[in-house]
């Protein structure tokens, strides 16, 4: 997978600062991804589900500063109260949806799609609008394809 418009490289120290800001440890495979590619737009951006086109990945969040729209910490904070607890947003779709990594014990590392149009904005976030896409970040990244 090739990423376009990635940001400057980061270090493990930068990730420690992020983890202190958000209050939990990032999954190891996601840390590796951030160290190798600090955000960016995938050249293959199509996402398939049930063998059909499902959505696009617009960009992966990066470790920047919170004044930037695609900053990881900013996006985590902006999604509080919308995305259920136990899910870490790590990328956006062009339509305003988010791709999330599950932090739940029984499905740690699974990749989900959060649909903003089906979200519960009148109460506690629900999982009704969460669609399981992959059982790992590596599998998800490897399945990206030419958008339709």
C-alpha atoms as a PDB file:
ATOM      1  CA  UNK A   1       0.000   0.000   0.000  1.00  0.00           C
ATOM      2  CA  UNK A   2       1.301   3.417  -0.941  1.00  0.00           C
ATOM      3  CA  UNK A   3       0.362   6.562   0.979  1.00  0.00           C
ATOM      4  CA  UNK A   4       0.362   9.990  -0.591  1.00  0.00           C
ATOM      5  CA  UNK A   5       0.824  13.244   1.311  1.00  0.00           C
ATOM      6  CA  UNK A   6       2.164  11.580   4.471  1.00  0.00           C
ATOM      7  CA  UNK A   7       3.457  13.906   7.138  1.00  0.00           C
ATOM      8  CA  UNK A   8       6.899  14.119   8.723  1.00  0.00           C
ATOM      9  CA  UNK A   9       8.153  10.965  10.412  1.00  0.00           C
ATOM     10  CA  UNK A  10       7.480  10.547  14.106  1.00  0.00           C
ATOM     11  CA  UNK A  11       9.224   8.695  16.927  1.00  0.00           C
ATOM     12  CA  UNK A  12       8.188   6.403  19.757  1.00  0.00           C
ATOM     13  CA  UNK A  13       8.472   9.435  22.039  1.00  0.00           C
ATOM     14  CA  UNK A  14       5.842  11.210  19.920  1.00  0.00           C
ATOM     15  CA  UNK A  15       3.544   8.199  20.315  1.00  0.00           C
ATOM     16  CA  UNK A  16       4.096   8.226  24.093  1.00  0.00           C
ATOM     17  CA  UNK A  17       2.941  11.857  24.150  1.00  0.00           C
ATOM     18  CA  UNK A  18      -0.183  10.923  22.174  1.00  0.00           C
ATOM     19  CA  UNK A  19      -0.936   8.034  24.537  1.00  0.00           C
ATOM     20  CA  UNK A  20      -0.585  10.339  27.550  1.00  0.00           C
ATOM     21  CA  UNK A  21      -3.002  12.828  25.956  1.00  0.00           C
ATOM     22  CA  UNK A  22      -5.650  10.222  25.121  1.00  0.00           C
ATOM     23  CA  UNK A  23      -5.236   8.146  28.280  1.00  0.00           C
ATOM     24  CA  UNK A  24      -4.679   4.697  26.772  1.00  0.00           C
ATOM     25  CA  UNK A  25      -2.084   2.734  24.830  1.00  0.00           C
ATOM     26  CA  UNK A  26      -2.399   2.487  21.065  1.00  0.00           C
ATOM     27  CA  UNK A  27      -2.453  -1.018  19.556  1.00  0.00           C
ATOM     28  CA  UNK A  28       1.043  -2.221  18.579  1.00  0.00           C
ATOM     29  CA  UNK A  29       0.223  -2.716  14.892  1.00  0.00           C
ATOM     30  CA  UNK A  30      -1.266   0.780  14.698  1.00  0.00           C
ATOM     31  CA  UNK A  31       1.857   2.243  16.342  1.00  0.00           C
ATOM     32  CA  UNK A  32       3.983   0.471  13.730  1.00  0.00           C
ATOM     33  CA  UNK A  33       1.756   1.877  10.992  1.00  0.00           C
ATOM     34  CA  UNK A  34       2.119   5.431  12.354  1.00  0.00           C
ATOM     35  CA  UNK A  35       5.889   5.088  12.656  1.00  0.00           C
ATOM     36  CA  UNK A  36       6.117   3.872   9.044  1.00  0.00           C
ATOM     37  CA  UNK A  37       3.478   6.235   7.600  1.00  0.00           C
ATOM     38  CA  UNK A  38       2.431   9.261   9.578  1.00  0.00           C
ATOM     39  CA  UNK A  39      -1.004   9.683   8.027  1.00  0.00           C
ATOM     40  CA  UNK A  40      -1.769  10.333   4.396  1.00  0.00           C
ATOM     41  CA  UNK A  41      -4.101   9.345   1.576  1.00  0.00           C
ATOM     42  CA  UNK A  42      -3.955   5.765   0.324  1.00  0.00           C
ATOM     43  CA  UNK A  43      -3.331   5.337  -3.406  1.00  0.00           C
ATOM     44  CA  UNK A  44      -5.762   2.403  -3.221  1.00  0.00           C
ATOM     45  CA  UNK A  45      -8.704   3.910  -1.365  1.00  0.00           C
ATOM     46  CA  UNK A  46     -11.618   1.564  -2.059  1.00  0.00           C
ATOM     47  CA  UNK A  47     -13.154  -0.430   0.778  1.00  0.00           C
ATOM     48  CA  UNK A  48     -15.184  -3.553   0.043  1.00  0.00           C
ATOM     49  CA  UNK A  49     -17.639  -5.349   2.314  1.00  0.00           C
ATOM     50  CA  UNK A  50     -19.457  -8.567   1.393  1.00  0.00           C
ATOM     51  CA  UNK A  51     -17.650  -8.490  -1.961  1.00  0.00           C
ATOM     52  CA  UNK A  52     -19.168  -5.126  -2.919  1.00  0.00           C
ATOM     53  CA  UNK A  53     -17.901  -1.557  -2.932  1.00  0.00           C
ATOM     54  CA  UNK A  54     -18.635  -0.087   0.504  1.00  0.00           C
ATOM     55  CA  UNK A  55     -16.763   3.218   0.964  1.00  0.00           C
ATOM     56  CA  UNK A  56     -13.464   5.021   0.447  1.00  0.00           C
ATOM     57  CA  UNK A  57     -10.645   5.927   2.824  1.00  0.00           C
ATOM     58  CA  UNK A  58     -10.117   9.659   2.446  1.00  0.00           C
ATOM     59  CA  UNK A  59      -7.086   9.882   4.715  1.00  0.00           C
ATOM     60  CA  UNK A  60      -5.433   8.302   7.706  1.00  0.00           C
ATOM     61  CA  UNK A  61      -5.015  10.525  10.756  1.00  0.00           C
ATOM     62  CA  UNK A  62      -1.490  11.641  11.609  1.00  0.00           C
ATOM     63  CA  UNK A  63       0.426  12.719  14.675  1.00  0.00           C
ATOM     64  CA  UNK A  64       0.644  16.465  14.138  1.00  0.00           C
ATOM     65  CA  UNK A  65      -0.701  19.178  16.395  1.00  0.00           C
ATOM     66  CA  UNK A  66      -4.308  19.530  17.416  1.00  0.00           C
ATOM     67  CA  UNK A  67      -4.864  22.608  15.253  1.00  0.00           C
ATOM     68  CA  UNK A  68      -4.731  20.366  12.158  1.00  0.00           C
ATOM     69  CA  UNK A  69      -7.950  18.668  11.035  1.00  0.00           C
ATOM     70  CA  UNK A  70      -6.246  15.322  10.333  1.00  0.00           C
ATOM     71  CA  UNK A  71      -4.480  15.173  13.724  1.00  0.00           C
ATOM     72  CA  UNK A  72      -5.122  11.880  15.540  1.00  0.00           C
ATOM     73  CA  UNK A  73      -5.638  13.398  19.003  1.00  0.00           C
ATOM     74  CA  UNK A  74      -7.990  16.056  17.652  1.00  0.00           C
ATOM     75  CA  UNK A  75     -10.103  13.461  15.839  1.00  0.00           C
ATOM     76  CA  UNK A  76     -10.291  11.210  18.901  1.00  0.00           C
ATOM     77  CA  UNK A  77     -11.529  14.167  20.951  1.00  0.00           C
ATOM     78  CA  UNK A  78     -13.980  15.305  18.255  1.00  0.00           C
ATOM     79  CA  UNK A  79     -15.572  11.854  18.088  1.00  0.00           C
ATOM     80  CA  UNK A  80     -16.141  11.520  21.859  1.00  0.00           C
ATOM     81  CA  UNK A  81     -19.850  11.077  22.481  1.00  0.00           C
ATOM     82  CA  UNK A  82     -20.460  10.001  18.878  1.00  0.00           C
ATOM     83  CA  UNK A  83     -18.386   6.839  18.469  1.00  0.00           C
ATOM     84  CA  UNK A  84     -19.000   4.240  21.208  1.00  0.00           C
ATOM     85  CA  UNK A  85     -16.316   3.777  23.839  1.00  0.00           C
ATOM     86  CA  UNK A  86     -13.867   1.057  22.966  1.00  0.00           C
ATOM     87  CA  UNK A  87     -13.312   2.196  19.380  1.00  0.00           C
ATOM     88  CA  UNK A  88     -10.378   4.285  18.176  1.00  0.00           C
ATOM     89  CA  UNK A  89     -10.997   6.388  15.047  1.00  0.00           C
ATOM     90  CA  UNK A  90      -7.919   6.259  12.804  1.00  0.00           C
ATOM     91  CA  UNK A  91      -9.146   7.345   9.344  1.00  0.00           C
ATOM     92  CA  UNK A  92     -11.951   9.267   7.624  1.00  0.00           C
ATOM     93  CA  UNK A  93     -14.043   8.615   4.577  1.00  0.00           C
ATOM     94  CA  UNK A  94     -14.779  11.533   2.228  1.00  0.00           C
ATOM     95  CA  UNK A  95     -18.436  11.443   3.330  1.00  0.00           C
ATOM     96  CA  UNK A  96     -17.719  12.028   7.020  1.00  0.00           C
ATOM     97  CA  UNK A  97     -17.692   8.456   8.278  1.00  0.00           C
ATOM     98  CA  UNK A  98     -14.787   7.069  10.297  1.00  0.00           C
ATOM     99  CA  UNK A  99     -12.761   3.879  10.315  1.00  0.00           C
ATOM    100  CA  UNK A 100     -12.072   2.605  13.831  1.00  0.00           C
ATOM    101  CA  UNK A 101      -9.934   0.028  15.588  1.00  0.00           C
ATOM    102  CA  UNK A 102     -11.694  -1.946  18.311  1.00  0.00           C
ATOM    103  CA  UNK A 103     -10.013  -1.796  21.700  1.00  0.00           C
ATOM    104  CA  UNK A 104     -12.407  -4.328  23.232  1.00  0.00           C
ATOM    105  CA  UNK A 105     -10.823  -7.458  24.683  1.00  0.00           C
ATOM    106  CA  UNK A 106     -12.815  -9.975  22.633  1.00  0.00           C
ATOM    107  CA  UNK A 107     -12.185  -8.186  19.318  1.00  0.00           C
ATOM    108  CA  UNK A 108      -9.027  -6.189  19.969  1.00  0.00           C
ATOM    109  CA  UNK A 109      -7.613  -4.839  16.706  1.00  0.00           C
ATOM    110  CA  UNK A 110     -10.720  -5.495  14.588  1.00  0.00           C
ATOM    111  CA  UNK A 111     -11.497  -2.745  12.066  1.00  0.00           C
ATOM    112  CA  UNK A 112     -14.937  -1.157  11.969  1.00  0.00           C
ATOM    113  CA  UNK A 113     -16.671   1.459   9.853  1.00  0.00           C
ATOM    114  CA  UNK A 114     -18.679   4.058  11.796  1.00  0.00           C
ATOM    115  CA  UNK A 115     -21.554   5.520   9.747  1.00  0.00           C
ATOM    116  CA  UNK A 116     -22.252   9.099  10.826  1.00  0.00           C
ATOM    117  CA  UNK A 117     -25.722   9.096   9.236  1.00  0.00           C
ATOM    118  CA  UNK A 118     -26.870   6.233  11.474  1.00  0.00           C
ATOM    119  CA  UNK A 119     -25.248   7.561  14.664  1.00  0.00           C
ATOM    120  CA  UNK A 120     -27.251   8.232  17.826  1.00  0.00           C
ATOM    121  CA  UNK A 121     -26.750  11.953  18.396  1.00  0.00           C
ATOM    122  CA  UNK A 122     -29.583  12.139  20.965  1.00  0.00           C
ATOM    123  CA  UNK A 123     -28.037   9.923  23.617  1.00  0.00           C
ATOM    124  CA  UNK A 124     -25.341   7.366  24.279  1.00  0.00           C
ATOM    125  CA  UNK A 125     -23.473   6.235  21.167  1.00  0.00           C
ATOM    126  CA  UNK A 126     -24.617   2.844  19.918  1.00  0.00           C
ATOM    127  CA  UNK A 127     -23.056   0.126  17.832  1.00  0.00           C
ATOM    128  CA  UNK A 128     -25.985  -0.113  15.427  1.00  0.00           C
ATOM    129  CA  UNK A 129     -24.034   1.961  12.909  1.00  0.00           C
ATOM    130  CA  UNK A 130     -20.757   0.034  13.257  1.00  0.00           C
ATOM    131  CA  UNK A 131     -19.862  -2.417  10.488  1.00  0.00           C
ATOM    132  CA  UNK A 132     -17.101  -4.981  10.951  1.00  0.00           C
ATOM    133  CA  UNK A 133     -14.711  -4.822   7.989  1.00  0.00           C
ATOM    134  CA  UNK A 134     -11.666  -6.802   9.034  1.00  0.00           C
ATOM    135  CA  UNK A 135     -10.123  -8.720  11.923  1.00  0.00           C
ATOM    136  CA  UNK A 136      -6.831  -6.785  11.786  1.00  0.00           C
ATOM    137  CA  UNK A 137      -5.312  -3.550  10.565  1.00  0.00           C
ATOM    138  CA  UNK A 138      -2.912  -5.501   8.336  1.00  0.00           C
ATOM    139  CA  UNK A 139      -5.813  -7.357   6.704  1.00  0.00           C
ATOM    140  CA  UNK A 140      -7.766  -4.105   6.266  1.00  0.00           C
ATOM    141  CA  UNK A 141      -4.830  -2.297   4.645  1.00  0.00           C
ATOM    142  CA  UNK A 142      -4.145  -5.279   2.393  1.00  0.00           C
ATOM    143  CA  UNK A 143      -7.756  -5.330   1.224  1.00  0.00           C
ATOM    144  CA  UNK A 144      -7.869  -1.717   0.031  1.00  0.00           C
ATOM    145  CA  UNK A 145      -8.523  -1.619  -3.694  1.00  0.00           C
ATOM    146  CA  UNK A 146      -9.193   0.711  -6.578  1.00  0.00           C
ATOM    147  CA  UNK A 147     -12.266   2.752  -5.668  1.00  0.00           C
ATOM    148  CA  UNK A 148     -15.332   2.145  -7.796  1.00  0.00           C
END
